[in-house]
C-alpha atoms as a PDB file:
ATOM      1  CA  UNK A   1      21.368  78.351  47.801  1.00  0.00           C
ATOM      2  CA  UNK A   2      24.763  76.625  48.016  1.00  0.00           C
ATOM      3  CA  UNK A   3      25.111  75.025  44.572  1.00  0.00           C
ATOM      4  CA  UNK A   4      27.317  71.949  44.298  1.00  0.00           C
ATOM      5  CA  UNK A   5      28.456  72.947  40.814  1.00  0.00           C
ATOM      6  CA  UNK A   6      28.058  75.697  38.230  1.00  0.00           C
ATOM      7  CA  UNK A   7      24.451  75.396  37.083  1.00  0.00           C
ATOM      8  CA  UNK A   8      24.666  76.855  33.591  1.00  0.00           C
ATOM      9  CA  UNK A   9      25.448  73.519  31.954  1.00  0.00           C
ATOM     10  CA  UNK A  10      22.425  71.878  33.575  1.00  0.00           C
ATOM     11  CA  UNK A  11      20.077  74.623  32.404  1.00  0.00           C
ATOM     12  CA  UNK A  12      21.543  74.517  28.897  1.00  0.00           C
ATOM     13  CA  UNK A  13      21.409  70.749  28.419  1.00  0.00           C
ATOM     14  CA  UNK A  14      17.976  70.363  30.011  1.00  0.00           C
ATOM     15  CA  UNK A  15      16.653  72.540  27.176  1.00  0.00           C
ATOM     16  CA  UNK A  16      18.343  70.372  24.538  1.00  0.00           C
ATOM     17  CA  UNK A  17      16.220  68.166  22.269  1.00  0.00           C
ATOM     18  CA  UNK A  18      17.639  64.808  23.388  1.00  0.00           C
ATOM     19  CA  UNK A  19      16.584  61.622  25.147  1.00  0.00           C
ATOM     20  CA  UNK A  20      18.775  62.285  28.200  1.00  0.00           C
ATOM     21  CA  UNK A  21      20.315  65.672  29.097  1.00  0.00           C
ATOM     22  CA  UNK A  22      22.444  64.044  31.787  1.00  0.00           C
ATOM     23  CA  UNK A  23      24.071  61.834  29.143  1.00  0.00           C
ATOM     24  CA  UNK A  24      25.045  65.044  27.339  1.00  0.00           C
ATOM     25  CA  UNK A  25      26.538  66.413  30.559  1.00  0.00           C
ATOM     26  CA  UNK A  26      28.349  63.166  31.332  1.00  0.00           C
ATOM     27  CA  UNK A  27      29.961  63.191  27.895  1.00  0.00           C
ATOM     28  CA  UNK A  28      31.362  66.676  28.578  1.00  0.00           C
ATOM     29  CA  UNK A  29      32.634  65.533  31.984  1.00  0.00           C
ATOM     30  CA  UNK A  30      34.311  62.433  30.553  1.00  0.00           C
ATOM     31  CA  UNK A  31      35.797  64.333  27.602  1.00  0.00           C
ATOM     32  CA  UNK A  32      37.408  66.762  30.051  1.00  0.00           C
ATOM     33  CA  UNK A  33      38.829  63.942  32.149  1.00  0.00           C
ATOM     34  CA  UNK A  34      40.247  62.113  29.132  1.00  0.00           C
ATOM     35  CA  UNK A  35      41.878  65.330  27.950  1.00  0.00           C
ATOM     36  CA  UNK A  36      43.406  65.793  31.394  1.00  0.00           C
ATOM     37  CA  UNK A  37      44.782  62.246  31.583  1.00  0.00           C
ATOM     38  CA  UNK A  38      46.321  62.592  28.122  1.00  0.00           C
ATOM     39  CA  UNK A  39      47.940  65.928  28.909  1.00  0.00           C
ATOM     40  CA  UNK A  40      48.894  67.501  32.268  1.00  0.00           C
ATOM     41  CA  UNK A  41      48.113  64.403  34.341  1.00  0.00           C
ATOM     42  CA  UNK A  42      50.751  62.381  32.498  1.00  0.00           C
ATOM     43  CA  UNK A  43      53.479  64.239  34.380  1.00  0.00           C
ATOM     44  CA  UNK A  44      51.738  64.337  37.769  1.00  0.00           C
ATOM     45  CA  UNK A  45      52.868  61.724  40.286  1.00  0.00           C
ATOM     46  CA  UNK A  46      49.486  61.517  42.004  1.00  0.00           C
ATOM     47  CA  UNK A  47      47.720  60.903  38.710  1.00  0.00           C
ATOM     48  CA  UNK A  48      50.191  58.239  37.604  1.00  0.00           C
ATOM     49  CA  UNK A  49      49.701  56.479  40.943  1.00  0.00           C
ATOM     50  CA  UNK A  50      45.937  56.438  40.378  1.00  0.00           C
ATOM     51  CA  UNK A  51      46.387  55.115  36.854  1.00  0.00           C
ATOM     52  CA  UNK A  52      48.690  52.395  38.180  1.00  0.00           C
ATOM     53  CA  UNK A  53      46.068  51.404  40.758  1.00  0.00           C
ATOM     54  CA  UNK A  54      42.924  51.574  38.606  1.00  0.00           C
ATOM     55  CA  UNK A  55      43.838  51.866  34.947  1.00  0.00           C
ATOM     56  CA  UNK A  56      41.170  52.541  32.316  1.00  0.00           C
ATOM     57  CA  UNK A  57      38.078  50.585  31.317  1.00  0.00           C
ATOM     58  CA  UNK A  58      37.794  49.348  27.719  1.00  0.00           C
ATOM     59  CA  UNK A  59      35.358  52.136  26.828  1.00  0.00           C
ATOM     60  CA  UNK A  60      37.661  54.944  27.903  1.00  0.00           C
ATOM     61  CA  UNK A  61      40.749  53.213  26.523  1.00  0.00           C
ATOM     62  CA  UNK A  62      39.083  52.992  23.104  1.00  0.00           C
ATOM     63  CA  UNK A  63      37.944  56.618  23.228  1.00  0.00           C
ATOM     64  CA  UNK A  64      41.430  57.848  24.152  1.00  0.00           C
ATOM     65  CA  UNK A  65      42.972  55.637  21.478  1.00  0.00           C
ATOM     66  CA  UNK A  66      41.006  57.631  18.882  1.00  0.00           C
ATOM     67  CA  UNK A  67      42.688  60.835  20.026  1.00  0.00           C
ATOM     68  CA  UNK A  68      45.954  62.098  18.543  1.00  0.00           C
ATOM     69  CA  UNK A  69      48.072  62.059  21.727  1.00  0.00           C
ATOM     70  CA  UNK A  70      48.976  58.364  21.627  1.00  0.00           C
ATOM     71  CA  UNK A  71      52.346  58.837  23.361  1.00  0.00           C
ATOM     72  CA  UNK A  72      50.582  60.047  26.511  1.00  0.00           C
ATOM     73  CA  UNK A  73      48.217  57.089  26.387  1.00  0.00           C
ATOM     74  CA  UNK A  74      51.134  54.692  25.951  1.00  0.00           C
ATOM     75  CA  UNK A  75      52.908  56.193  28.975  1.00  0.00           C
ATOM     76  CA  UNK A  76      49.783  55.888  31.112  1.00  0.00           C
ATOM     77  CA  UNK A  77      49.036  52.339  29.978  1.00  0.00           C
ATOM     78  CA  UNK A  78      52.650  51.314  30.534  1.00  0.00           C
ATOM     79  CA  UNK A  79      52.319  52.528  34.126  1.00  0.00           C
ATOM     80  CA  UNK A  80      49.213  50.387  34.548  1.00  0.00           C
ATOM     81  CA  UNK A  81      50.831  47.350  32.906  1.00  0.00           C
ATOM     82  CA  UNK A  82      53.779  47.550  35.299  1.00  0.00           C
ATOM     83  CA  UNK A  83      51.377  47.514  38.243  1.00  0.00           C
ATOM     84  CA  UNK A  84      49.507  44.518  36.799  1.00  0.00           C
ATOM     85  CA  UNK A  85      52.727  42.571  36.312  1.00  0.00           C
ATOM     86  CA  UNK A  86      53.679  43.131  39.948  1.00  0.00           C
ATOM     87  CA  UNK A  87      50.336  41.666  41.011  1.00  0.00           C
ATOM     88  CA  UNK A  88      50.687  38.499  38.939  1.00  0.00           C
ATOM     89  CA  UNK A  89      52.192  35.770  41.082  1.00  0.00           C
ATOM     90  CA  UNK A  90      52.539  32.039  40.535  1.00  0.00           C
ATOM     91  CA  UNK A  91      50.020  30.263  42.763  1.00  0.00           C
ATOM     92  CA  UNK A  92      50.374  26.469  42.868  1.00  0.00           C
ATOM     93  CA  UNK A  93      47.429  26.278  45.268  1.00  0.00           C
ATOM     94  CA  UNK A  94      43.969  26.094  43.653  1.00  0.00           C
ATOM     95  CA  UNK A  95      42.473  28.064  46.540  1.00  0.00           C
ATOM     96  CA  UNK A  96      45.017  30.880  46.190  1.00  0.00           C
ATOM     97  CA  UNK A  97      44.698  30.811  42.415  1.00  0.00           C
ATOM     98  CA  UNK A  98      40.946  31.440  42.733  1.00  0.00           C
ATOM     99  CA  UNK A  99      41.606  34.401  45.031  1.00  0.00           C
ATOM    100  CA  UNK A 100      44.078  35.758  42.503  1.00  0.00           C
ATOM    101  CA  UNK A 101      41.480  35.301  39.753  1.00  0.00           C
ATOM    102  CA  UNK A 102      38.972  37.360  41.767  1.00  0.00           C
ATOM    103  CA  UNK A 103      41.581  40.065  42.319  1.00  0.00           C
ATOM    104  CA  UNK A 104      42.383  40.177  38.594  1.00  0.00           C
ATOM    105  CA  UNK A 105      38.696  40.428  37.690  1.00  0.00           C
ATOM    106  CA  UNK A 106      38.202  43.272  40.171  1.00  0.00           C
ATOM    107  CA  UNK A 107      41.252  45.129  38.856  1.00  0.00           C
ATOM    108  CA  UNK A 108      40.119  44.603  35.270  1.00  0.00           C
ATOM    109  CA  UNK A 109      36.819  46.383  35.971  1.00  0.00           C
ATOM    110  CA  UNK A 110      38.327  49.467  37.616  1.00  0.00           C
ATOM    111  CA  UNK A 111      38.764  52.786  35.789  1.00  0.00           C
ATOM    112  CA  UNK A 112      40.145  56.050  37.095  1.00  0.00           C
ATOM    113  CA  UNK A 113      38.075  58.073  34.608  1.00  0.00           C
ATOM    114  CA  UNK A 114      34.847  56.250  35.488  1.00  0.00           C
ATOM    115  CA  UNK A 115      35.480  56.955  39.176  1.00  0.00           C
ATOM    116  CA  UNK A 116      36.148  60.663  38.690  1.00  0.00           C
ATOM    117  CA  UNK A 117      33.218  60.994  36.288  1.00  0.00           C
ATOM    118  CA  UNK A 118      30.818  59.368  38.732  1.00  0.00           C
ATOM    119  CA  UNK A 119      32.075  61.643  41.501  1.00  0.00           C
ATOM    120  CA  UNK A 120      31.341  64.668  39.305  1.00  0.00           C
ATOM    121  CA  UNK A 121      27.966  63.341  38.157  1.00  0.00           C
ATOM    122  CA  UNK A 122      26.854  62.834  41.749  1.00  0.00           C
ATOM    123  CA  UNK A 123      27.171  66.602  42.182  1.00  0.00           C
ATOM    124  CA  UNK A 124      25.008  67.142  39.106  1.00  0.00           C
ATOM    125  CA  UNK A 125      22.279  64.823  40.432  1.00  0.00           C
ATOM    126  CA  UNK A 126      22.218  66.747  43.705  1.00  0.00           C
ATOM    127  CA  UNK A 127      22.210  70.125  41.990  1.00  0.00           C
ATOM    128  CA  UNK A 128      19.318  69.187  39.676  1.00  0.00           C
ATOM    129  CA  UNK A 129      17.243  68.449  42.774  1.00  0.00           C
ATOM    130  CA  UNK A 130      18.347  71.714  44.429  1.00  0.00           C
ATOM    131  CA  UNK A 131      17.443  73.694  41.325  1.00  0.00           C
ATOM    132  CA  UNK A 132      13.977  72.140  41.403  1.00  0.00           C
ATOM    133  CA  UNK A 133      13.707  73.233  45.034  1.00  0.00           C
ATOM    134  CA  UNK A 134      14.919  76.812  44.600  1.00  0.00           C
ATOM    135  CA  UNK A 135      14.072  77.890  41.041  1.00  0.00           C
ATOM    136  CA  UNK A 136      10.421  77.656  39.924  1.00  0.00           C
ATOM    137  CA  UNK A 137      11.355  78.188  36.261  1.00  0.00           C
ATOM    138  CA  UNK A 138      13.612  75.142  36.351  1.00  0.00           C
ATOM    139  CA  UNK A 139      10.668  72.987  37.427  1.00  0.00           C
ATOM    140  CA  UNK A 140       9.048  73.707  34.078  1.00  0.00           C
ATOM    141  CA  UNK A 141      12.348  73.133  32.287  1.00  0.00           C
ATOM    142  CA  UNK A 142      12.637  69.653  33.805  1.00  0.00           C
ATOM    143  CA  UNK A 143       9.027  68.783  33.042  1.00  0.00           C
ATOM    144  CA  UNK A 144       9.550  69.762  29.388  1.00  0.00           C
ATOM    145  CA  UNK A 145      12.526  67.461  28.835  1.00  0.00           C
ATOM    146  CA  UNK A 146      12.202  64.159  27.003  1.00  0.00           C
ATOM    147  CA  UNK A 147      13.143  62.284  30.162  1.00  0.00           C
ATOM    148  CA  UNK A 148      16.361  60.441  30.875  1.00  0.00           C
ATOM    149  CA  UNK A 149      18.196  57.216  30.222  1.00  0.00           C
ATOM    150  CA  UNK A 150      17.318  54.587  32.818  1.00  0.00           C
ATOM    151  CA  UNK A 151      20.640  54.902  34.658  1.00  0.00           C
ATOM    152  CA  UNK A 152      20.394  58.661  35.070  1.00  0.00           C
ATOM    153  CA  UNK A 153      16.715  58.442  35.967  1.00  0.00           C
ATOM    154  CA  UNK A 154      17.651  56.039  38.768  1.00  0.00           C
ATOM    155  CA  UNK A 155      20.373  58.413  39.994  1.00  0.00           C
ATOM    156  CA  UNK A 156      17.969  61.361  40.047  1.00  0.00           C
ATOM    157  CA  UNK A 157      15.615  59.266  42.182  1.00  0.00           C
ATOM    158  CA  UNK A 158      18.511  58.301  44.456  1.00  0.00           C
ATOM    159  CA  UNK A 159      19.368  61.935  45.217  1.00  0.00           C
ATOM    160  CA  UNK A 160      15.812  63.290  45.249  1.00  0.00           C
ATOM    161  CA  UNK A 161      16.161  64.177  48.939  1.00  0.00           C
ATOM    162  CA  UNK A 162      18.131  67.257  47.922  1.00  0.00           C
ATOM    163  CA  UNK A 163      14.883  68.777  46.641  1.00  0.00           C
ATOM    164  CA  UNK A 164      13.870  69.300  50.276  1.00  0.00           C
ATOM    165  CA  UNK A 165      10.273  70.334  50.839  1.00  0.00           C
ATOM    166  CA  UNK A 166       9.556  69.838  47.129  1.00  0.00           C
ATOM    167  CA  UNK A 167      10.631  66.189  47.186  1.00  0.00           C
ATOM    168  CA  UNK A 168       7.154  64.795  46.542  1.00  0.00           C
ATOM    169  CA  UNK A 169       6.555  67.189  43.643  1.00  0.00           C
ATOM    170  CA  UNK A 170      10.042  66.464  42.288  1.00  0.00           C
ATOM    171  CA  UNK A 171       9.502  62.709  42.363  1.00  0.00           C
ATOM    172  CA  UNK A 172       6.103  63.142  40.710  1.00  0.00           C
ATOM    173  CA  UNK A 173       7.622  65.308  37.968  1.00  0.00           C
ATOM    174  CA  UNK A 174      10.394  62.799  37.333  1.00  0.00           C
ATOM    175  CA  UNK A 175       7.927  59.906  37.150  1.00  0.00           C
ATOM    176  CA  UNK A 176       5.491  61.729  34.861  1.00  0.00           C
ATOM    177  CA  UNK A 177       8.223  62.946  32.519  1.00  0.00           C
ATOM    178  CA  UNK A 178       9.924  59.556  32.330  1.00  0.00           C
ATOM    179  CA  UNK A 179       6.802  57.463  31.774  1.00  0.00           C
ATOM    180  CA  UNK A 180       5.315  59.850  29.204  1.00  0.00           C
ATOM    181  CA  UNK A 181       8.484  59.805  27.157  1.00  0.00           C
ATOM    182  CA  UNK A 182       8.895  56.051  27.363  1.00  0.00           C
ATOM    183  CA  UNK A 183       5.351  55.768  26.022  1.00  0.00           C
ATOM    184  CA  UNK A 184       6.229  58.270  23.283  1.00  0.00           C
ATOM    185  CA  UNK A 185       9.166  56.129  22.222  1.00  0.00           C
ATOM    186  CA  UNK A 186       7.053  52.995  22.466  1.00  0.00           C
ATOM    187  CA  UNK A 187       4.561  54.573  20.070  1.00  0.00           C
ATOM    188  CA  UNK A 188       7.329  55.464  17.629  1.00  0.00           C
ATOM    189  CA  UNK A 189       8.690  51.912  17.801  1.00  0.00           C
ATOM    190  CA  UNK A 190       5.221  50.514  17.153  1.00  0.00           C
ATOM    191  CA  UNK A 191       4.838  52.658  14.054  1.00  0.00           C
ATOM    192  CA  UNK A 192       8.318  51.579  12.906  1.00  0.00           C
ATOM    193  CA  UNK A 193       7.089  47.984  13.106  1.00  0.00           C
ATOM    194  CA  UNK A 194       3.690  48.736  11.547  1.00  0.00           C
ATOM    195  CA  UNK A 195       5.322  50.612   8.683  1.00  0.00           C
ATOM    196  CA  UNK A 196       6.746  47.288   7.468  1.00  0.00           C
ATOM    197  CA  UNK A 197       3.215  46.104   6.764  1.00  0.00           C
ATOM    198  CA  UNK A 198       2.685  46.427   3.002  1.00  0.00           C
ATOM    199  CA  UNK A 199      -0.560  48.291   3.650  1.00  0.00           C
ATOM    200  CA  UNK A 200       1.453  51.149   5.188  1.00  0.00           C
ATOM    201  CA  UNK A 201       4.118  51.242   2.495  1.00  0.00           C
ATOM    202  CA  UNK A 202       3.085  54.667   1.186  1.00  0.00           C
ATOM    203  CA  UNK A 203       2.722  56.283   4.598  1.00  0.00           C
ATOM    204  CA  UNK A 204       5.551  58.454   6.009  1.00  0.00           C
ATOM    205  CA  UNK A 205       7.853  56.918   8.600  1.00  0.00           C
ATOM    206  CA  UNK A 206       8.339  60.248  10.334  1.00  0.00           C
ATOM    207  CA  UNK A 207      10.258  60.370  13.598  1.00  0.00           C
ATOM    208  CA  UNK A 208      10.055  56.583  13.866  1.00  0.00           C
ATOM    209  CA  UNK A 209      12.998  56.411  11.454  1.00  0.00           C
ATOM    210  CA  UNK A 210      15.366  57.076  14.390  1.00  0.00           C
ATOM    211  CA  UNK A 211      13.265  55.429  17.103  1.00  0.00           C
ATOM    212  CA  UNK A 212      15.631  52.495  17.619  1.00  0.00           C
ATOM    213  CA  UNK A 213      18.695  54.726  18.012  1.00  0.00           C
ATOM    214  CA  UNK A 214      16.916  57.005  20.475  1.00  0.00           C
ATOM    215  CA  UNK A 215      15.533  54.043  22.406  1.00  0.00           C
ATOM    216  CA  UNK A 216      19.104  52.811  22.711  1.00  0.00           C
ATOM    217  CA  UNK A 217      19.936  56.063  24.508  1.00  0.00           C
ATOM    218  CA  UNK A 218      16.859  55.796  26.714  1.00  0.00           C
ATOM    219  CA  UNK A 219      17.615  52.223  27.784  1.00  0.00           C
ATOM    220  CA  UNK A 220      21.415  52.189  27.923  1.00  0.00           C
ATOM    221  CA  UNK A 221      22.627  55.794  27.816  1.00  0.00           C
ATOM    222  CA  UNK A 222      24.321  57.783  25.072  1.00  0.00           C
ATOM    223  CA  UNK A 223      26.536  55.671  22.821  1.00  0.00           C
ATOM    224  CA  UNK A 224      30.247  56.554  23.204  1.00  0.00           C
ATOM    225  CA  UNK A 225      31.625  58.490  20.235  1.00  0.00           C
END
């Protein structure tokens, strides 16, 4: 089997008690990229060119701003600001001004870290499917997870073809795992609501105490820290 990436992280995180093991992996990927762009990449011409072209999204800017190496962030952001200034032109024509507005909006949404992270995550999606194809024990590991956030579930479906002859079984396992765990969360949310009935005041809240936070992960992915 020609793995796309080292598989140890997948096997480790798929055994973690969490609402989406791929969110855990993505956090590690993004943390590594942010570290790189605040350290060695600051002095690399190719990296500075990419930062000038794409910059950082608000999420990754905020996360890097929490880190101690603020000089590196300032240097990177200054590079991006210079590029933005060069693209701002006076347009007396309404038609051209609208085109410039579209270009600014597009540039505002770009992020070099998001792009690299998605490129890395694509390899993880493919490798999860390949592991299901080639390693019977991993099939059980996947089926015993608590499912995935909706975004990562969609990506696993998108790359399901990499499970080859086991594609039908893989898709069935993904569907069963995802729906069962959404129903589990739904039950916990229902009890959270029912617990507010005075008749249930003395009954334990149990796992429903964190149901809203975990549902947030299931619907929108892991909250940035």
